[in-house]
Amino acid sequence: MNTLSRREEDTIIKSTKERALKECGPIVREFADCASGRTVSVVWACRGKYRTLQTCMHK
């Protein structure tokens, strides 16, 4: 049984996040633009963009 060291695990997580942000960059920007200047209303005003962002990041 092979297990990853904590350092290897951290490296994989970091690279995966970087790749997801790169590939989902335009979607992240759309959500950020929608959320900009909002507080509580971001929940319903940007719901669709947030779901799209989650789907992209999950891939």
N, C-alpha and C. Protein backbone atom coordinates (compact mmCIF):
# COMPACT_ATOMS: atom_id res chain seq x y z
N MET A 1 0.85 -1.17 0.00
CA MET A 1 0.00 0.00 0.00
C MET A 1 0.89 1.24 0.00
N ASN A 2 0.69 2.10 -0.98
CA ASN A 2 1.45 3.35 -1.06
C ASN A 2 0.62 4.48 -0.49
N THR A 3 1.26 5.27 0.31
CA THR A 3 0.59 6.46 0.83
C THR A 3 1.45 7.66 0.52
N LEU A 4 0.82 8.80 0.44
CA LEU A 4 1.54 10.03 0.17
C LEU A 4 1.98 10.67 1.47
N SER A 5 3.12 11.30 1.41
CA SER A 5 3.56 12.07 2.57
C SER A 5 2.73 13.35 2.61
N ARG A 6 2.75 14.01 3.71
CA ARG A 6 2.00 15.26 3.86
C ARG A 6 2.48 16.29 2.84
N ARG A 7 3.78 16.32 2.61
CA ARG A 7 4.35 17.26 1.64
C ARG A 7 3.85 16.96 0.22
N GLU A 8 3.84 15.69 -0.15
CA GLU A 8 3.34 15.29 -1.47
C GLU A 8 1.86 15.65 -1.62
N GLU A 9 1.12 15.39 -0.57
CA GLU A 9 -0.31 15.70 -0.56
C GLU A 9 -0.53 17.20 -0.77
N ASP A 10 0.21 18.02 -0.03
CA ASP A 10 0.10 19.48 -0.16
C ASP A 10 0.47 19.95 -1.56
N THR A 11 1.49 19.35 -2.15
CA THR A 11 1.92 19.71 -3.49
C THR A 11 0.82 19.39 -4.51
N ILE A 12 0.21 18.23 -4.38
CA ILE A 12 -0.86 17.83 -5.31
C ILE A 12 -2.06 18.77 -5.16
N ILE A 13 -2.43 19.07 -3.94
CA ILE A 13 -3.57 19.96 -3.71
C ILE A 13 -3.29 21.34 -4.30
N LYS A 14 -2.09 21.86 -4.07
CA LYS A 14 -1.73 23.18 -4.58
C LYS A 14 -1.77 23.21 -6.11
N SER A 15 -1.19 22.21 -6.74
CA SER A 15 -1.16 22.19 -8.21
C SER A 15 -2.56 22.00 -8.79
N THR A 16 -3.39 21.22 -8.12
CA THR A 16 -4.76 21.04 -8.58
C THR A 16 -5.54 22.33 -8.49
N LYS A 17 -5.38 23.06 -7.41
CA LYS A 17 -6.07 24.35 -7.25
C LYS A 17 -5.60 25.34 -8.31
N GLU A 18 -4.30 25.39 -8.55
CA GLU A 18 -3.76 26.30 -9.56
C GLU A 18 -4.32 25.99 -10.94
N ARG A 19 -4.38 24.71 -11.26
CA ARG A 19 -4.91 24.29 -12.57
C ARG A 19 -6.40 24.64 -12.70
N ALA A 20 -7.15 24.40 -11.64
CA ALA A 20 -8.58 24.70 -11.66
C ALA A 20 -8.81 26.20 -11.82
N LEU A 21 -8.04 27.01 -11.11
CA LEU A 21 -8.20 28.46 -11.23
C LEU A 21 -7.82 28.95 -12.62
N LYS A 22 -6.81 28.33 -13.21
CA LYS A 22 -6.39 28.72 -14.56
C LYS A 22 -7.48 28.38 -15.57
N GLU A 23 -7.99 27.17 -15.49
CA GLU A 23 -9.00 26.71 -16.44
C GLU A 23 -10.34 27.39 -16.22
N CYS A 24 -10.64 27.79 -14.99
CA CYS A 24 -11.93 28.40 -14.67
C CYS A 24 -11.83 29.91 -14.51
N GLY A 25 -10.71 30.49 -14.91
CA GLY A 25 -10.47 31.92 -14.73
C GLY A 25 -11.59 32.83 -15.18
N PRO A 26 -12.09 32.67 -16.40
CA PRO A 26 -13.18 33.55 -16.85
C PRO A 26 -14.44 33.42 -15.99
N ILE A 27 -14.73 32.22 -15.55
CA ILE A 27 -15.91 31.99 -14.71
C ILE A 27 -15.70 32.61 -13.33
N VAL A 28 -14.48 32.51 -12.81
CA VAL A 28 -14.16 33.15 -11.52
C VAL A 28 -14.36 34.65 -11.64
N ARG A 29 -13.89 35.24 -12.74
CA ARG A 29 -14.04 36.68 -12.94
C ARG A 29 -15.50 37.09 -13.04
N GLU A 30 -16.31 36.30 -13.74
CA GLU A 30 -17.75 36.60 -13.85
C GLU A 30 -18.40 36.61 -12.48
N PHE A 31 -18.09 35.61 -11.67
CA PHE A 31 -18.66 35.55 -10.33
C PHE A 31 -18.16 36.72 -9.49
N ALA A 32 -16.88 37.03 -9.57
CA ALA A 32 -16.32 38.14 -8.81
C ALA A 32 -16.95 39.46 -9.21
N ASP A 33 -17.18 39.66 -10.50
CA ASP A 33 -17.84 40.88 -10.97
C ASP A 33 -19.26 40.97 -10.43
N CYS A 34 -19.95 39.85 -10.43
CA CYS A 34 -21.32 39.82 -9.91
C CYS A 34 -21.34 40.12 -8.42
N ALA A 35 -20.39 39.56 -7.69
CA ALA A 35 -20.36 39.70 -6.23
C ALA A 35 -19.83 41.06 -5.77
N SER A 36 -19.12 41.74 -6.64
CA SER A 36 -18.51 43.01 -6.27
C SER A 36 -19.54 44.03 -5.80
N GLY A 37 -19.31 44.57 -4.63
CA GLY A 37 -20.19 45.60 -4.08
C GLY A 37 -21.43 45.05 -3.41
N ARG A 38 -21.58 43.77 -3.35
CA ARG A 38 -22.75 43.16 -2.72
C ARG A 38 -22.38 42.57 -1.37
N THR A 39 -23.37 42.41 -0.55
CA THR A 39 -23.15 41.71 0.72
C THR A 39 -24.09 40.50 0.74
N VAL A 40 -25.19 40.62 1.39
CA VAL A 40 -26.14 39.51 1.52
C VAL A 40 -26.78 39.15 0.18
N SER A 41 -27.01 40.15 -0.67
CA SER A 41 -27.70 39.90 -1.94
C SER A 41 -26.91 39.02 -2.89
N VAL A 42 -25.63 38.83 -2.64
CA VAL A 42 -24.82 37.97 -3.51
C VAL A 42 -25.39 36.55 -3.55
N VAL A 43 -26.03 36.15 -2.47
CA VAL A 43 -26.57 34.79 -2.38
C VAL A 43 -27.58 34.52 -3.50
N TRP A 44 -28.50 35.41 -3.71
CA TRP A 44 -29.51 35.16 -4.75
C TRP A 44 -29.15 35.82 -6.08
N ALA A 45 -28.43 36.94 -6.06
CA ALA A 45 -28.11 37.63 -7.31
C ALA A 45 -27.10 36.87 -8.16
N CYS A 46 -26.21 36.14 -7.51
CA CYS A 46 -25.12 35.47 -8.23
C CYS A 46 -25.20 33.95 -8.13
N ARG A 47 -26.34 33.44 -7.76
CA ARG A 47 -26.51 32.00 -7.54
C ARG A 47 -26.12 31.17 -8.77
N GLY A 48 -26.58 31.57 -9.93
CA GLY A 48 -26.28 30.82 -11.16
C GLY A 48 -24.79 30.81 -11.48
N LYS A 49 -24.16 31.98 -11.34
CA LYS A 49 -22.73 32.07 -11.60
C LYS A 49 -21.93 31.24 -10.59
N TYR A 50 -22.40 31.22 -9.34
CA TYR A 50 -21.73 30.43 -8.31
C TYR A 50 -21.82 28.94 -8.62
N ARG A 51 -22.97 28.50 -9.06
CA ARG A 51 -23.13 27.07 -9.42
C ARG A 51 -22.24 26.70 -10.59
N THR A 52 -22.17 27.59 -11.58
CA THR A 52 -21.30 27.35 -12.72
C THR A 52 -19.85 27.27 -12.27
N LEU A 53 -19.46 28.16 -11.37
CA LEU A 53 -18.11 28.15 -10.81
C LEU A 53 -17.82 26.86 -10.07
N GLN A 54 -18.74 26.42 -9.25
CA GLN A 54 -18.56 25.16 -8.50
C GLN A 54 -18.38 23.98 -9.46
N THR A 55 -19.20 23.93 -10.49
CA THR A 55 -19.12 22.85 -11.46
C THR A 55 -17.75 22.84 -12.15
N CYS A 56 -17.30 24.01 -12.55
CA CYS A 56 -15.99 24.10 -13.22
C CYS A 56 -14.87 23.67 -12.27
N MET A 57 -14.89 24.16 -11.05
CA MET A 57 -13.84 23.84 -10.10
C MET A 57 -13.85 22.36 -9.73
N HIS A 58 -15.02 21.77 -9.71
CA HIS A 58 -15.13 20.35 -9.37
C HIS A 58 -14.47 19.46 -10.42
N LYS A 59 -14.57 19.88 -11.68
CA LYS A 59 -13.97 19.09 -12.78
C LYS A 59 -12.48 19.07 -12.61
